[in-house]
Amino acid sequence: MKLYPDFGNPDRSKVLPWFRRKGDKLYPDFGHPKGFGANPWYKIKGNKVYSEYGHPGGKSVTPHFTIKGNKLYPAIGHSNGVSAAPWFKMK
């Protein structure tokens, strides 16, 4: 599964995926502005997404995103704050 920027993301919708999902972890993919990465940036727990050790801001216990359907929405731990506009879509 891949994650693509959605209309709420400041970079808007892009053709290339920013993240790839392996199990419960999200890793930067070829379309990510920082490039492909081997270390996970996020971990999925239920419908919440938390930053992991590979994230530039480090690991967090506060969720960065909430998953609703196939969309990820910024949550309380996101640097831009909570939003009703999805930042990523999974497909």
N, C-alpha and C. Protein backbone atom coordinates (compact mmCIF):
# COMPACT_ATOMS: atom_id res chain seq x y z
N MET A 1 0.85 -1.18 0.00
CA MET A 1 0.00 0.00 0.00
C MET A 1 0.89 1.24 0.00
N LYS A 2 0.47 2.25 -0.73
CA LYS A 2 1.21 3.51 -0.83
C LYS A 2 0.35 4.67 -0.34
N LEU A 3 1.01 5.73 0.14
CA LEU A 3 0.32 6.94 0.58
C LEU A 3 0.72 8.09 -0.33
N TYR A 4 -0.29 8.76 -0.85
CA TYR A 4 -0.10 9.88 -1.77
C TYR A 4 -0.60 11.17 -1.13
N PRO A 5 0.07 12.29 -1.35
CA PRO A 5 -0.44 13.57 -0.83
C PRO A 5 -1.85 13.83 -1.35
N ASP A 6 -2.71 14.33 -0.48
CA ASP A 6 -4.09 14.66 -0.84
C ASP A 6 -4.27 16.18 -0.79
N PHE A 7 -5.48 16.66 -1.03
CA PHE A 7 -5.71 18.10 -1.19
C PHE A 7 -5.41 18.93 0.05
N GLY A 8 -5.40 18.34 1.25
CA GLY A 8 -5.07 19.09 2.46
C GLY A 8 -3.58 19.29 2.66
N ASN A 9 -2.78 18.50 1.99
CA ASN A 9 -1.32 18.59 2.09
C ASN A 9 -0.86 19.87 1.38
N PRO A 10 0.04 20.63 2.00
CA PRO A 10 0.52 21.86 1.36
C PRO A 10 1.10 21.64 -0.04
N ASP A 11 1.62 20.43 -0.31
CA ASP A 11 2.16 20.12 -1.63
C ASP A 11 1.10 19.59 -2.58
N ARG A 12 -0.15 19.54 -2.10
CA ARG A 12 -1.30 19.09 -2.88
C ARG A 12 -1.13 17.66 -3.39
N SER A 13 -1.99 17.28 -4.29
CA SER A 13 -1.94 15.92 -4.83
C SER A 13 -0.74 15.76 -5.75
N LYS A 14 -0.04 14.68 -5.58
CA LYS A 14 1.13 14.36 -6.39
C LYS A 14 0.92 13.00 -7.03
N VAL A 15 1.66 12.72 -8.09
CA VAL A 15 1.55 11.45 -8.79
C VAL A 15 2.33 10.35 -8.07
N LEU A 16 3.50 10.68 -7.53
CA LEU A 16 4.34 9.68 -6.88
C LEU A 16 3.99 9.56 -5.39
N PRO A 17 4.06 8.34 -4.85
CA PRO A 17 3.76 8.15 -3.42
C PRO A 17 4.84 8.71 -2.51
N TRP A 18 4.41 9.27 -1.40
CA TRP A 18 5.34 9.79 -0.40
C TRP A 18 5.75 8.73 0.60
N PHE A 19 4.84 7.80 0.90
CA PHE A 19 5.14 6.74 1.87
C PHE A 19 4.68 5.40 1.34
N ARG A 20 5.36 4.33 1.80
CA ARG A 20 4.94 2.98 1.53
C ARG A 20 4.67 2.31 2.88
N ARG A 21 3.65 1.48 2.90
CA ARG A 21 3.29 0.80 4.15
C ARG A 21 3.81 -0.62 4.13
N LYS A 22 4.50 -0.98 5.20
CA LYS A 22 4.97 -2.35 5.42
C LYS A 22 4.50 -2.73 6.82
N GLY A 23 3.49 -3.60 6.90
CA GLY A 23 2.92 -3.96 8.19
C GLY A 23 2.29 -2.74 8.83
N ASP A 24 2.74 -2.40 10.04
CA ASP A 24 2.19 -1.23 10.74
C ASP A 24 3.11 -0.01 10.65
N LYS A 25 4.10 -0.04 9.75
CA LYS A 25 5.06 1.06 9.62
C LYS A 25 4.93 1.75 8.27
N LEU A 26 5.24 3.06 8.25
CA LEU A 26 5.24 3.86 7.03
C LEU A 26 6.66 4.38 6.79
N TYR A 27 7.16 4.11 5.60
CA TYR A 27 8.52 4.49 5.22
C TYR A 27 8.47 5.50 4.06
N PRO A 28 9.39 6.47 4.04
CA PRO A 28 9.43 7.40 2.91
C PRO A 28 9.65 6.64 1.60
N ASP A 29 8.88 7.01 0.58
CA ASP A 29 8.97 6.36 -0.73
C ASP A 29 9.61 7.31 -1.74
N PHE A 30 9.68 6.90 -2.99
CA PHE A 30 10.39 7.65 -4.03
C PHE A 30 9.86 9.06 -4.26
N GLY A 31 8.58 9.31 -4.03
CA GLY A 31 8.03 10.63 -4.26
C GLY A 31 8.20 11.59 -3.10
N HIS A 32 8.69 11.11 -1.96
CA HIS A 32 8.86 11.97 -0.78
C HIS A 32 9.92 13.03 -1.05
N PRO A 33 9.68 14.28 -0.60
CA PRO A 33 10.66 15.35 -0.83
C PRO A 33 12.06 15.04 -0.29
N LYS A 34 12.15 14.23 0.77
CA LYS A 34 13.47 13.88 1.33
C LYS A 34 14.02 12.60 0.71
N GLY A 35 13.27 12.00 -0.22
CA GLY A 35 13.73 10.80 -0.91
C GLY A 35 13.35 9.51 -0.21
N PHE A 36 13.70 8.43 -0.84
CA PHE A 36 13.42 7.07 -0.36
C PHE A 36 14.14 6.84 0.97
N GLY A 37 13.48 6.19 1.92
CA GLY A 37 14.10 5.96 3.22
C GLY A 37 13.95 4.53 3.72
N ALA A 38 14.95 4.06 4.44
CA ALA A 38 14.95 2.71 5.00
C ALA A 38 14.43 2.66 6.43
N ASN A 39 14.33 3.81 7.09
CA ASN A 39 13.85 3.86 8.46
C ASN A 39 12.40 4.37 8.50
N PRO A 40 11.56 3.73 9.33
CA PRO A 40 10.15 4.15 9.37
C PRO A 40 9.98 5.53 9.98
N TRP A 41 9.10 6.30 9.37
CA TRP A 41 8.76 7.63 9.90
C TRP A 41 7.55 7.54 10.81
N TYR A 42 6.66 6.59 10.55
CA TYR A 42 5.42 6.48 11.31
C TYR A 42 5.07 5.04 11.65
N LYS A 43 4.26 4.88 12.72
CA LYS A 43 3.73 3.58 13.10
C LYS A 43 2.22 3.73 13.26
N ILE A 44 1.48 2.76 12.71
CA ILE A 44 0.02 2.78 12.78
C ILE A 44 -0.43 1.91 13.95
N LYS A 45 -1.26 2.49 14.81
CA LYS A 45 -1.87 1.77 15.94
C LYS A 45 -3.37 2.05 15.87
N GLY A 46 -4.13 1.06 15.43
CA GLY A 46 -5.57 1.28 15.25
C GLY A 46 -5.81 2.30 14.16
N ASN A 47 -6.52 3.37 14.50
CA ASN A 47 -6.76 4.43 13.50
C ASN A 47 -5.89 5.66 13.75
N LYS A 48 -4.83 5.51 14.55
CA LYS A 48 -3.91 6.61 14.84
C LYS A 48 -2.53 6.31 14.25
N VAL A 49 -1.82 7.37 13.86
CA VAL A 49 -0.49 7.25 13.27
C VAL A 49 0.47 8.10 14.11
N TYR A 50 1.52 7.45 14.62
CA TYR A 50 2.50 8.09 15.51
C TYR A 50 3.85 8.17 14.81
N SER A 51 4.61 9.22 15.09
CA SER A 51 5.95 9.33 14.50
C SER A 51 6.86 8.28 15.14
N GLU A 52 7.80 7.80 14.36
CA GLU A 52 8.76 6.78 14.77
C GLU A 52 10.16 7.37 14.77
N TYR A 53 11.15 6.56 15.11
CA TYR A 53 12.53 7.02 15.24
C TYR A 53 13.11 7.58 13.94
N GLY A 54 12.61 7.17 12.78
CA GLY A 54 13.12 7.69 11.51
C GLY A 54 12.60 9.07 11.16
N HIS A 55 11.56 9.52 11.84
CA HIS A 55 10.97 10.85 11.59
C HIS A 55 11.95 11.94 12.03
N PRO A 56 12.07 13.03 11.27
CA PRO A 56 12.99 14.11 11.66
C PRO A 56 12.72 14.66 13.06
N GLY A 57 11.47 14.65 13.51
CA GLY A 57 11.13 15.14 14.85
C GLY A 57 11.26 14.09 15.93
N GLY A 58 11.63 12.87 15.54
CA GLY A 58 11.78 11.78 16.50
C GLY A 58 10.46 11.07 16.80
N LYS A 59 10.56 10.12 17.69
CA LYS A 59 9.41 9.30 18.08
C LYS A 59 8.48 10.10 19.00
N SER A 60 7.16 9.85 18.87
CA SER A 60 6.19 10.60 19.67
C SER A 60 5.09 9.67 20.18
N VAL A 61 4.52 10.03 21.33
CA VAL A 61 3.39 9.29 21.89
C VAL A 61 2.07 10.01 21.57
N THR A 62 2.16 11.14 20.90
CA THR A 62 0.99 11.91 20.49
C THR A 62 0.76 11.65 19.00
N PRO A 63 -0.45 11.28 18.59
CA PRO A 63 -0.68 10.95 17.18
C PRO A 63 -0.51 12.14 16.23
N HIS A 64 0.15 11.87 15.11
CA HIS A 64 0.33 12.87 14.06
C HIS A 64 -0.84 12.87 13.09
N PHE A 65 -1.43 11.69 12.88
CA PHE A 65 -2.54 11.55 11.94
C PHE A 65 -3.61 10.64 12.52
N THR A 66 -4.84 10.84 12.04
CA THR A 66 -5.96 9.95 12.32
C THR A 66 -6.40 9.38 10.97
N ILE A 67 -6.64 8.07 10.94
CA ILE A 67 -7.08 7.41 9.71
C ILE A 67 -8.60 7.31 9.72
N LYS A 68 -9.20 7.79 8.64
CA LYS A 68 -10.65 7.67 8.42
C LYS A 68 -10.83 7.14 7.01
N GLY A 69 -11.30 5.91 6.89
CA GLY A 69 -11.41 5.28 5.58
C GLY A 69 -10.01 5.07 5.01
N ASN A 70 -9.77 5.60 3.83
CA ASN A 70 -8.44 5.49 3.22
C ASN A 70 -7.68 6.82 3.25
N LYS A 71 -8.08 7.72 4.16
CA LYS A 71 -7.45 9.06 4.25
C LYS A 71 -6.78 9.25 5.61
N LEU A 72 -5.70 10.04 5.62
CA LEU A 72 -5.01 10.41 6.85
C LEU A 72 -5.18 11.91 7.08
N TYR A 73 -5.67 12.25 8.26
CA TYR A 73 -5.93 13.64 8.63
C TYR A 73 -4.98 14.06 9.75
N PRO A 74 -4.43 15.27 9.69
CA PRO A 74 -3.56 15.74 10.77
C PRO A 74 -4.27 15.69 12.13
N ALA A 75 -3.57 15.19 13.12
CA ALA A 75 -4.11 15.07 14.48
C ALA A 75 -3.38 16.04 15.40
N ILE A 76 -3.65 15.94 16.68
CA ILE A 76 -3.13 16.87 17.70
C ILE A 76 -1.61 16.98 17.71
N GLY A 77 -0.91 15.89 17.38
CA GLY A 77 0.55 15.91 17.41
C GLY A 77 1.19 16.44 16.15
N HIS A 78 0.40 16.77 15.15
CA HIS A 78 0.94 17.27 13.89
C HIS A 78 1.42 18.70 14.07
N SER A 79 2.53 19.04 13.45
CA SER A 79 3.10 20.39 13.60
C SER A 79 2.18 21.48 13.08
N ASN A 80 1.28 21.17 12.16
CA ASN A 80 0.33 22.16 11.64
C ASN A 80 -1.00 22.13 12.38
N GLY A 81 -1.13 21.24 13.36
CA GLY A 81 -2.36 21.14 14.12
C GLY A 81 -3.40 20.25 13.46
N VAL A 82 -4.53 20.10 14.10
CA VAL A 82 -5.63 19.27 13.62
C VAL A 82 -6.25 19.90 12.38
N SER A 83 -6.68 19.05 11.44
CA SER A 83 -7.30 19.55 10.22
C SER A 83 -8.39 18.60 9.76
N ALA A 84 -9.43 19.16 9.14
CA ALA A 84 -10.51 18.36 8.55
C ALA A 84 -10.21 18.01 7.10
N ALA A 85 -9.09 18.53 6.57
CA ALA A 85 -8.69 18.24 5.20
C ALA A 85 -7.63 17.14 5.21
N PRO A 86 -7.82 16.06 4.43
CA PRO A 86 -6.86 14.96 4.44
C PRO A 86 -5.52 15.33 3.82
N TRP A 87 -4.46 14.88 4.47
CA TRP A 87 -3.11 15.11 3.95
C TRP A 87 -2.66 14.00 3.04
N PHE A 88 -3.14 12.77 3.30
CA PHE A 88 -2.74 11.62 2.49
C PHE A 88 -3.92 10.72 2.19
N LYS A 89 -3.83 10.02 1.06
CA LYS A 89 -4.79 8.97 0.73
C LYS A 89 -4.00 7.69 0.51
N MET A 90 -4.54 6.58 0.98
CA MET A 90 -3.90 5.28 0.84
C MET A 90 -4.54 4.54 -0.33
N LYS A 91 -3.68 3.97 -1.15
CA LYS A 91 -4.19 3.10 -2.22
C LYS A 91 -3.12 2.12 -2.65
